[in-house]
C-alpha cells in the first residue's frame, strides 16, 4: 500500500504502490485496542481496481457500527 485516503466515517480508499495484475484479491482486516471483530464490506459498493480499492470498515460483532478507536490493519491477499 502506498497510502490510505479517509473518505468519511469508516470509508477508505486504499492505494497500492504497485498495481495488481488483476482484481483477483481479498482484504483481511484486524484491529488492536478493540475487543471486537473487524469487517470490511461493500456498503456502499466496494470498488476493486488494480491500483486501489474503496471499502467500509466496521465492527463485525455489532453490525453497522463503525470502528471508533484502535489501530486498524488491512492485509491485501492475492
PDB file of N, CA and C in Angstrom:
ATOM      1  N   UNK A   1       0.829  -1.166   0.000  1.00  0.00           N
ATOM      2  CA  UNK A   1       0.000   0.000   0.000  1.00  0.00           C
ATOM      3  C   UNK A   1       0.883   1.243   0.000  1.00  0.00           C
ATOM      4  N   UNK A   2       0.459   2.224  -0.769  1.00  0.00           N
ATOM      5  CA  UNK A   2       1.209   3.475  -0.791  1.00  0.00           C
ATOM      6  C   UNK A   2       0.571   4.521   0.106  1.00  0.00           C
ATOM      7  N   UNK A   3      -0.766   4.478   0.212  1.00  0.00           N
ATOM      8  CA  UNK A   3      -1.461   5.443   1.062  1.00  0.00           C
ATOM      9  C   UNK A   3      -2.897   4.991   1.289  1.00  0.00           C
ATOM     10  N   UNK A   4      -3.519   5.611   2.289  1.00  0.00           N
ATOM     11  CA  UNK A   4      -4.928   5.366   2.590  1.00  0.00           C
ATOM     12  C   UNK A   4      -5.605   6.720   2.677  1.00  0.00           C
ATOM     13  N   UNK A   5      -6.707   6.876   1.960  1.00  0.00           N
ATOM     14  CA  UNK A   5      -7.464   8.119   1.968  1.00  0.00           C
ATOM     15  C   UNK A   5      -8.735   7.914   2.784  1.00  0.00           C
ATOM     16  N   UNK A   6      -8.983   8.786   3.752  1.00  0.00           N
ATOM     17  CA  UNK A   6     -10.191   8.745   4.572  1.00  0.00           C
ATOM     18  C   UNK A   6     -11.283   9.495   3.820  1.00  0.00           C
ATOM     19  N   UNK A   7     -12.324   8.771   3.411  1.00  0.00           N
ATOM     20  CA  UNK A   7     -13.415   9.358   2.632  1.00  0.00           C
ATOM     21  C   UNK A   7     -14.645   9.692   3.473  1.00  0.00           C
ATOM     22  N   UNK A   8     -14.520   9.657   4.774  1.00  0.00           N
ATOM     23  CA  UNK A   8     -15.662   9.914   5.642  1.00  0.00           C
ATOM     24  C   UNK A   8     -15.761   8.790   6.659  1.00  0.00           C
ATOM     25  N   UNK A   9     -16.817   8.767   7.427  1.00  0.00           N
ATOM     26  CA  UNK A   9     -16.963   7.800   8.511  1.00  0.00           C
ATOM     27  C   UNK A   9     -16.813   6.368   8.026  1.00  0.00           C
ATOM     28  N   UNK A  10     -15.712   5.745   8.425  1.00  0.00           N
ATOM     29  CA  UNK A  10     -15.404   4.337   8.167  1.00  0.00           C
ATOM     30  C   UNK A  10     -15.254   3.979   6.696  1.00  0.00           C
ATOM     31  N   UNK A  11     -15.135   4.956   5.804  1.00  0.00           N
ATOM     32  CA  UNK A  11     -14.975   4.683   4.374  1.00  0.00           C
ATOM     33  C   UNK A  11     -13.587   5.129   3.937  1.00  0.00           C
ATOM     34  N   UNK A  12     -12.876   4.221   3.267  1.00  0.00           N
ATOM     35  CA  UNK A  12     -11.482   4.467   2.923  1.00  0.00           C
ATOM     36  C   UNK A  12     -11.174   4.042   1.498  1.00  0.00           C
ATOM     37  N   UNK A  13     -10.182   4.694   0.904  1.00  0.00           N
ATOM     38  CA  UNK A  13      -9.595   4.252  -0.348  1.00  0.00           C
ATOM     39  C   UNK A  13      -8.177   3.813  -0.033  1.00  0.00           C
ATOM     40  N   UNK A  14      -7.865   2.560  -0.330  1.00  0.00           N
ATOM     41  CA  UNK A  14      -6.536   2.009  -0.126  1.00  0.00           C
ATOM     42  C   UNK A  14      -5.832   2.014  -1.481  1.00  0.00           C
ATOM     43  N   UNK A  15      -4.742   2.770  -1.567  1.00  0.00           N
ATOM     44  CA  UNK A  15      -3.986   2.901  -2.817  1.00  0.00           C
ATOM     45  C   UNK A  15      -2.779   1.971  -2.781  1.00  0.00           C
ATOM     46  N   UNK A  16      -2.533   1.265  -3.877  1.00  0.00           N
ATOM     47  CA  UNK A  16      -1.423   0.324  -3.959  1.00  0.00           C
ATOM     48  C   UNK A  16      -0.181   0.998  -4.529  1.00  0.00           C
ATOM     49  N   UNK A  17       0.983   0.667  -3.997  1.00  0.00           N
ATOM     50  CA  UNK A  17       2.236   1.223  -4.514  1.00  0.00           C
ATOM     51  C   UNK A  17       2.629   0.556  -5.830  1.00  0.00           C
ATOM     52  N   UNK A  18       2.236  -0.705  -5.993  1.00  0.00           N
ATOM     53  CA  UNK A  18       2.461  -1.435  -7.242  1.00  0.00           C
ATOM     54  C   UNK A  18       1.123  -1.988  -7.700  1.00  0.00           C
ATOM     55  N   UNK A  19       0.786  -1.767  -8.943  1.00  0.00           N
ATOM     56  CA  UNK A  19      -0.508  -2.228  -9.455  1.00  0.00           C
ATOM     57  C   UNK A  19      -0.600  -3.757  -9.417  1.00  0.00           C
ATOM     58  N   UNK A  20      -1.772  -4.256  -9.076  1.00  0.00           N
ATOM     59  CA  UNK A  20      -2.044  -5.691  -9.114  1.00  0.00           C
ATOM     60  C   UNK A  20      -2.202  -6.117 -10.575  1.00  0.00           C
ATOM     61  N   UNK A  21      -1.907  -7.370 -10.904  1.00  0.00           N
ATOM     62  CA  UNK A  21      -2.082  -7.824 -12.281  1.00  0.00           C
ATOM     63  C   UNK A  21      -3.558  -7.940 -12.677  1.00  0.00           C
ATOM     64  N   UNK A  22      -4.436  -8.079 -11.662  1.00  0.00           N
ATOM     65  CA  UNK A  22      -5.878  -8.170 -11.906  1.00  0.00           C
ATOM     66  C   UNK A  22      -6.592  -7.855 -10.594  1.00  0.00           C
ATOM     67  N   UNK A  23      -7.908  -8.008 -10.558  1.00  0.00           N
ATOM     68  CA  UNK A  23      -8.667  -7.692  -9.341  1.00  0.00           C
ATOM     69  C   UNK A  23      -9.017  -8.945  -8.542  1.00  0.00           C
ATOM     70  N   UNK A  24      -8.254  -9.996  -8.715  1.00  0.00           N
ATOM     71  CA  UNK A  24      -8.468 -11.253  -8.013  1.00  0.00           C
ATOM     72  C   UNK A  24      -7.699 -11.234  -6.686  1.00  0.00           C
ATOM     73  N   UNK A  25      -8.151 -10.410  -5.725  1.00  0.00           N
ATOM     74  CA  UNK A  25      -7.526 -10.312  -4.409  1.00  0.00           C
ATOM     75  C   UNK A  25      -8.613 -10.094  -3.364  1.00  0.00           C
ATOM     76  N   UNK A  26      -8.249 -10.299  -2.109  1.00  0.00           N
ATOM     77  CA  UNK A  26      -9.175 -10.087  -0.997  1.00  0.00           C
ATOM     78  C   UNK A  26      -8.498  -9.210   0.047  1.00  0.00           C
ATOM     79  N   UNK A  27      -9.294  -8.656   0.946  1.00  0.00           N
ATOM     80  CA  UNK A  27      -8.792  -7.830   2.044  1.00  0.00           C
ATOM     81  C   UNK A  27      -9.104  -8.519   3.363  1.00  0.00           C
ATOM     82  N   UNK A  28      -8.173  -8.458   4.291  1.00  0.00           N
ATOM     83  CA  UNK A  28      -8.350  -9.017   5.615  1.00  0.00           C
ATOM     84  C   UNK A  28      -8.055  -7.918   6.621  1.00  0.00           C
ATOM     85  N   UNK A  29      -9.006  -7.655   7.511  1.00  0.00           N
ATOM     86  CA  UNK A  29      -8.822  -6.586   8.484  1.00  0.00           C
ATOM     87  C   UNK A  29      -8.705  -7.095   9.899  1.00  0.00           C
ATOM     88  N   UNK A  30      -7.830  -6.468  10.686  1.00  0.00           N
ATOM     89  CA  UNK A  30      -7.715  -6.733  12.113  1.00  0.00           C
ATOM     90  C   UNK A  30      -7.557  -5.388  12.815  1.00  0.00           C
ATOM     91  N   UNK A  31      -7.825  -5.359  14.097  1.00  0.00           N
ATOM     92  CA  UNK A  31      -7.663  -4.111  14.847  1.00  0.00           C
ATOM     93  C   UNK A  31      -7.098  -4.412  16.221  1.00  0.00           C
ATOM     94  N   UNK A  32      -6.236  -3.524  16.686  1.00  0.00           N
ATOM     95  CA  UNK A  32      -5.754  -3.609  18.060  1.00  0.00           C
ATOM     96  C   UNK A  32      -6.511  -2.562  18.866  1.00  0.00           C
ATOM     97  N   UNK A  33      -6.497  -2.718  20.173  1.00  0.00           N
ATOM     98  CA  UNK A  33      -7.227  -1.822  21.077  1.00  0.00           C
ATOM     99  C   UNK A  33      -8.729  -1.882  20.847  1.00  0.00           C
ATOM    100  N   UNK A  34      -9.197  -2.953  20.246  1.00  0.00           N
ATOM    101  CA  UNK A  34     -10.628  -3.186  20.041  1.00  0.00           C
ATOM    102  C   UNK A  34     -10.940  -4.574  20.595  1.00  0.00           C
ATOM    103  N   UNK A  35     -12.086  -4.757  21.175  1.00  0.00           N
ATOM    104  CA  UNK A  35     -12.483  -6.061  21.684  1.00  0.00           C
ATOM    105  C   UNK A  35     -13.415  -6.771  20.724  1.00  0.00           C
ATOM    106  N   UNK A  36     -13.472  -6.293  19.489  1.00  0.00           N
ATOM    107  CA  UNK A  36     -14.443  -6.813  18.553  1.00  0.00           C
ATOM    108  C   UNK A  36     -13.786  -7.271  17.260  1.00  0.00           C
ATOM    109  N   UNK A  37     -14.562  -7.993  16.451  1.00  0.00           N
ATOM    110  CA  UNK A  37     -14.114  -8.419  15.137  1.00  0.00           C
ATOM    111  C   UNK A  37     -14.193  -7.251  14.164  1.00  0.00           C
ATOM    112  N   UNK A  38     -13.356  -7.273  13.151  1.00  0.00           N
ATOM    113  CA  UNK A  38     -13.350  -6.228  12.139  1.00  0.00           C
ATOM    114  C   UNK A  38     -13.969  -6.782  10.865  1.00  0.00           C
ATOM    115  N   UNK A  39     -14.844  -6.012  10.256  1.00  0.00           N
ATOM    116  CA  UNK A  39     -15.431  -6.395   8.986  1.00  0.00           C
ATOM    117  C   UNK A  39     -15.096  -5.378   7.913  1.00  0.00           C
ATOM    118  N   UNK A  40     -14.928  -5.862   6.694  1.00  0.00           N
ATOM    119  CA  UNK A  40     -14.725  -4.998   5.541  1.00  0.00           C
ATOM    120  C   UNK A  40     -15.813  -5.377   4.557  1.00  0.00           C
ATOM    121  N   UNK A  41     -16.640  -4.420   4.186  1.00  0.00           N
ATOM    122  CA  UNK A  41     -17.750  -4.786   3.319  1.00  0.00           C
ATOM    123  C   UNK A  41     -17.921  -3.833   2.159  1.00  0.00           C
ATOM    124  N   UNK A  42     -18.938  -4.091   1.384  1.00  0.00           N
ATOM    125  CA  UNK A  42     -19.208  -3.320   0.181  1.00  0.00           C
ATOM    126  C   UNK A  42     -20.392  -2.400   0.317  1.00  0.00           C
ATOM    127  N   UNK A  43     -20.535  -1.718   1.440  1.00  0.00           N
ATOM    128  CA  UNK A  43     -21.635  -0.771   1.599  1.00  0.00           C
ATOM    129  C   UNK A  43     -21.070   0.603   1.927  1.00  0.00           C
ATOM    130  N   UNK A  44     -21.063   1.572   1.079  1.00  0.00           N
ATOM    131  CA  UNK A  44     -21.568   1.469  -0.292  1.00  0.00           C
ATOM    132  C   UNK A  44     -20.711   0.506  -1.094  1.00  0.00           C
ATOM    133  N   UNK A  45     -21.155   0.137  -2.287  1.00  0.00           N
ATOM    134  CA  UNK A  45     -20.433  -0.924  -3.016  1.00  0.00           C
ATOM    135  C   UNK A  45     -18.934  -0.658  -3.091  1.00  0.00           C
ATOM    136  N   UNK A  46     -18.149  -1.692  -2.723  1.00  0.00           N
ATOM    137  CA  UNK A  46     -16.697  -1.594  -2.820  1.00  0.00           C
ATOM    138  C   UNK A  46     -16.298  -1.526  -4.282  1.00  0.00           C
ATOM    139  N   UNK A  47     -15.254  -0.771  -4.561  1.00  0.00           N
ATOM    140  CA  UNK A  47     -14.725  -0.664  -5.905  1.00  0.00           C
ATOM    141  C   UNK A  47     -13.318  -1.238  -5.897  1.00  0.00           C
ATOM    142  N   UNK A  48     -13.149  -2.411  -6.513  1.00  0.00           N
ATOM    143  CA  UNK A  48     -11.843  -3.049  -6.612  1.00  0.00           C
ATOM    144  C   UNK A  48     -11.250  -2.727  -7.972  1.00  0.00           C
ATOM    145  N   UNK A  49     -10.032  -2.193  -7.998  1.00  0.00           N
ATOM    146  CA  UNK A  49      -9.316  -1.990  -9.252  1.00  0.00           C
ATOM    147  C   UNK A  49      -7.900  -2.518  -9.062  1.00  0.00           C
ATOM    148  N   UNK A  50      -7.091  -2.440 -10.078  1.00  0.00           N
ATOM    149  CA  UNK A  50      -5.715  -2.927  -9.952  1.00  0.00           C
ATOM    150  C   UNK A  50      -4.821  -1.948  -9.205  1.00  0.00           C
ATOM    151  N   UNK A  51      -5.272  -0.700  -9.012  1.00  0.00           N
ATOM    152  CA  UNK A  51      -4.442   0.307  -8.349  1.00  0.00           C
ATOM    153  C   UNK A  51      -4.973   0.773  -6.998  1.00  0.00           C
ATOM    154  N   UNK A  52      -6.260   0.462  -6.696  1.00  0.00           N
ATOM    155  CA  UNK A  52      -6.832   0.873  -5.414  1.00  0.00           C
ATOM    156  C   UNK A  52      -8.112   0.119  -5.149  1.00  0.00           C
ATOM    157  N   UNK A  53      -8.578   0.212  -3.895  1.00  0.00           N
ATOM    158  CA  UNK A  53      -9.849  -0.388  -3.506  1.00  0.00           C
ATOM    159  C   UNK A  53     -10.549   0.560  -2.533  1.00  0.00           C
ATOM    160  N   UNK A  54     -11.853   0.739  -2.714  1.00  0.00           N
ATOM    161  CA  UNK A  54     -12.682   1.550  -1.814  1.00  0.00           C
ATOM    162  C   UNK A  54     -13.472   0.608  -0.926  1.00  0.00           C
ATOM    163  N   UNK A  55     -13.421   0.817   0.388  1.00  0.00           N
ATOM    164  CA  UNK A  55     -14.089  -0.086   1.323  1.00  0.00           C
ATOM    165  C   UNK A  55     -14.700   0.680   2.492  1.00  0.00           C
ATOM    166  N   UNK A  56     -15.584   0.001   3.217  1.00  0.00           N
ATOM    167  CA  UNK A  56     -16.095   0.479   4.509  1.00  0.00           C
ATOM    168  C   UNK A  56     -15.636  -0.526   5.544  1.00  0.00           C
ATOM    169  N   UNK A  57     -15.124  -0.058   6.654  1.00  0.00           N
ATOM    170  CA  UNK A  57     -14.599  -0.923   7.699  1.00  0.00           C
ATOM    171  C   UNK A  57     -15.462  -0.726   8.942  1.00  0.00           C
ATOM    172  N   UNK A  58     -15.922  -1.842   9.537  1.00  0.00           N
ATOM    173  CA  UNK A  58     -16.876  -1.742  10.638  1.00  0.00           C
ATOM    174  C   UNK A  58     -16.614  -2.790  11.704  1.00  0.00           C
ATOM    175  N   UNK A  59     -17.284  -2.662  12.807  1.00  0.00           N
ATOM    176  CA  UNK A  59     -17.233  -3.588  13.932  1.00  0.00           C
ATOM    177  C   UNK A  59     -18.154  -4.759  13.604  1.00  0.00           C
ATOM    178  N   UNK A  60     -17.601  -5.921  13.283  1.00  0.00           N
ATOM    179  CA  UNK A  60     -18.391  -7.065  12.838  1.00  0.00           C
ATOM    180  C   UNK A  60     -19.190  -7.715  13.960  1.00  0.00           C
ATOM    181  N   UNK A  61     -18.833  -7.460  15.224  1.00  0.00           N
ATOM    182  CA  UNK A  61     -19.601  -8.030  16.321  1.00  0.00           C
ATOM    183  C   UNK A  61     -20.807  -7.165  16.664  1.00  0.00           C
ATOM    184  N   UNK A  62     -20.884  -5.993  16.054  1.00  0.00           N
ATOM    185  CA  UNK A  62     -22.018  -5.095  16.243  1.00  0.00           C
ATOM    186  C   UNK A  62     -22.298  -4.501  14.856  1.00  0.00           C
ATOM    187  N   UNK A  63     -22.890  -5.309  13.998  1.00  0.00           N
ATOM    188  CA  UNK A  63     -23.044  -4.989  12.578  1.00  0.00           C
ATOM    189  C   UNK A  63     -23.604  -3.590  12.377  1.00  0.00           C
ATOM    190  N   UNK A  64     -22.943  -2.842  11.515  1.00  0.00           N
ATOM    191  CA  UNK A  64     -23.368  -1.483  11.230  1.00  0.00           C
ATOM    192  C   UNK A  64     -22.638  -0.431  12.042  1.00  0.00           C
ATOM    193  N   UNK A  65     -21.957  -0.844  13.101  1.00  0.00           N
ATOM    194  CA  UNK A  65     -21.225   0.084  13.962  1.00  0.00           C
ATOM    195  C   UNK A  65     -19.833   0.304  13.387  1.00  0.00           C
ATOM    196  N   UNK A  66     -19.498   1.536  13.058  1.00  0.00           N
ATOM    197  CA  UNK A  66     -18.162   1.825  12.570  1.00  0.00           C
ATOM    198  C   UNK A  66     -17.163   1.760  13.711  1.00  0.00           C
ATOM    199  N   UNK A  67     -15.919   1.397  13.402  1.00  0.00           N
ATOM    200  CA  UNK A  67     -14.867   1.405  14.414  1.00  0.00           C
ATOM    201  C   UNK A  67     -14.548   2.842  14.784  1.00  0.00           C
ATOM    202  N   UNK A  68     -14.444   3.107  16.069  1.00  0.00           N
ATOM    203  CA  UNK A  68     -14.198   4.480  16.513  1.00  0.00           C
ATOM    204  C   UNK A  68     -12.849   4.652  17.182  1.00  0.00           C
ATOM    205  N   UNK A  69     -12.171   3.554  17.504  1.00  0.00           N
ATOM    206  CA  UNK A  69     -10.838   3.673  18.100  1.00  0.00           C
ATOM    207  C   UNK A  69     -10.034   2.426  17.773  1.00  0.00           C
ATOM    208  N   UNK A  70      -8.793   2.416  18.171  1.00  0.00           N
ATOM    209  CA  UNK A  70      -7.932   1.290  17.889  1.00  0.00           C
ATOM    210  C   UNK A  70      -7.101   1.524  16.634  1.00  0.00           C
ATOM    211  N   UNK A  71      -6.165   0.627  16.416  1.00  0.00           N
ATOM    212  CA  UNK A  71      -5.294   0.694  15.261  1.00  0.00           C
ATOM    213  C   UNK A  71      -5.752  -0.373  14.280  1.00  0.00           C
ATOM    214  N   UNK A  72      -6.089   0.045  13.092  1.00  0.00           N
ATOM    215  CA  UNK A  72      -6.600  -0.856  12.073  1.00  0.00           C
ATOM    216  C   UNK A  72      -5.467  -1.344  11.188  1.00  0.00           C
ATOM    217  N   UNK A  73      -5.469  -2.642  10.902  1.00  0.00           N
ATOM    218  CA  UNK A  73      -4.507  -3.241   9.979  1.00  0.00           C
ATOM    219  C   UNK A  73      -5.284  -3.913   8.863  1.00  0.00           C
ATOM    220  N   UNK A  74      -4.887  -3.666   7.623  1.00  0.00           N
ATOM    221  CA  UNK A  74      -5.533  -4.293   6.469  1.00  0.00           C
ATOM    222  C   UNK A  74      -4.470  -4.975   5.636  1.00  0.00           C
ATOM    223  N   UNK A  75      -4.675  -6.266   5.373  1.00  0.00           N
ATOM    224  CA  UNK A  75      -3.768  -7.024   4.513  1.00  0.00           C
ATOM    225  C   UNK A  75      -4.469  -7.297   3.188  1.00  0.00           C
ATOM    226  N   UNK A  76      -3.722  -7.160   2.112  1.00  0.00           N
ATOM    227  CA  UNK A  76      -4.218  -7.491   0.787  1.00  0.00           C
ATOM    228  C   UNK A  76      -3.628  -8.840   0.424  1.00  0.00           C
ATOM    229  N   UNK A  77      -4.501  -9.802   0.134  1.00  0.00           N
ATOM    230  CA  UNK A  77      -4.054 -11.172  -0.140  1.00  0.00           C
ATOM    231  C   UNK A  77      -4.440 -11.542  -1.561  1.00  0.00           C
ATOM    232  N   UNK A  78      -3.490 -12.011  -2.311  1.00  0.00           N
ATOM    233  CA  UNK A  78      -3.747 -12.428  -3.685  1.00  0.00           C
ATOM    234  C   UNK A  78      -3.341 -13.851  -3.860  1.00  0.00           C
TER     235      UNK A  78
END
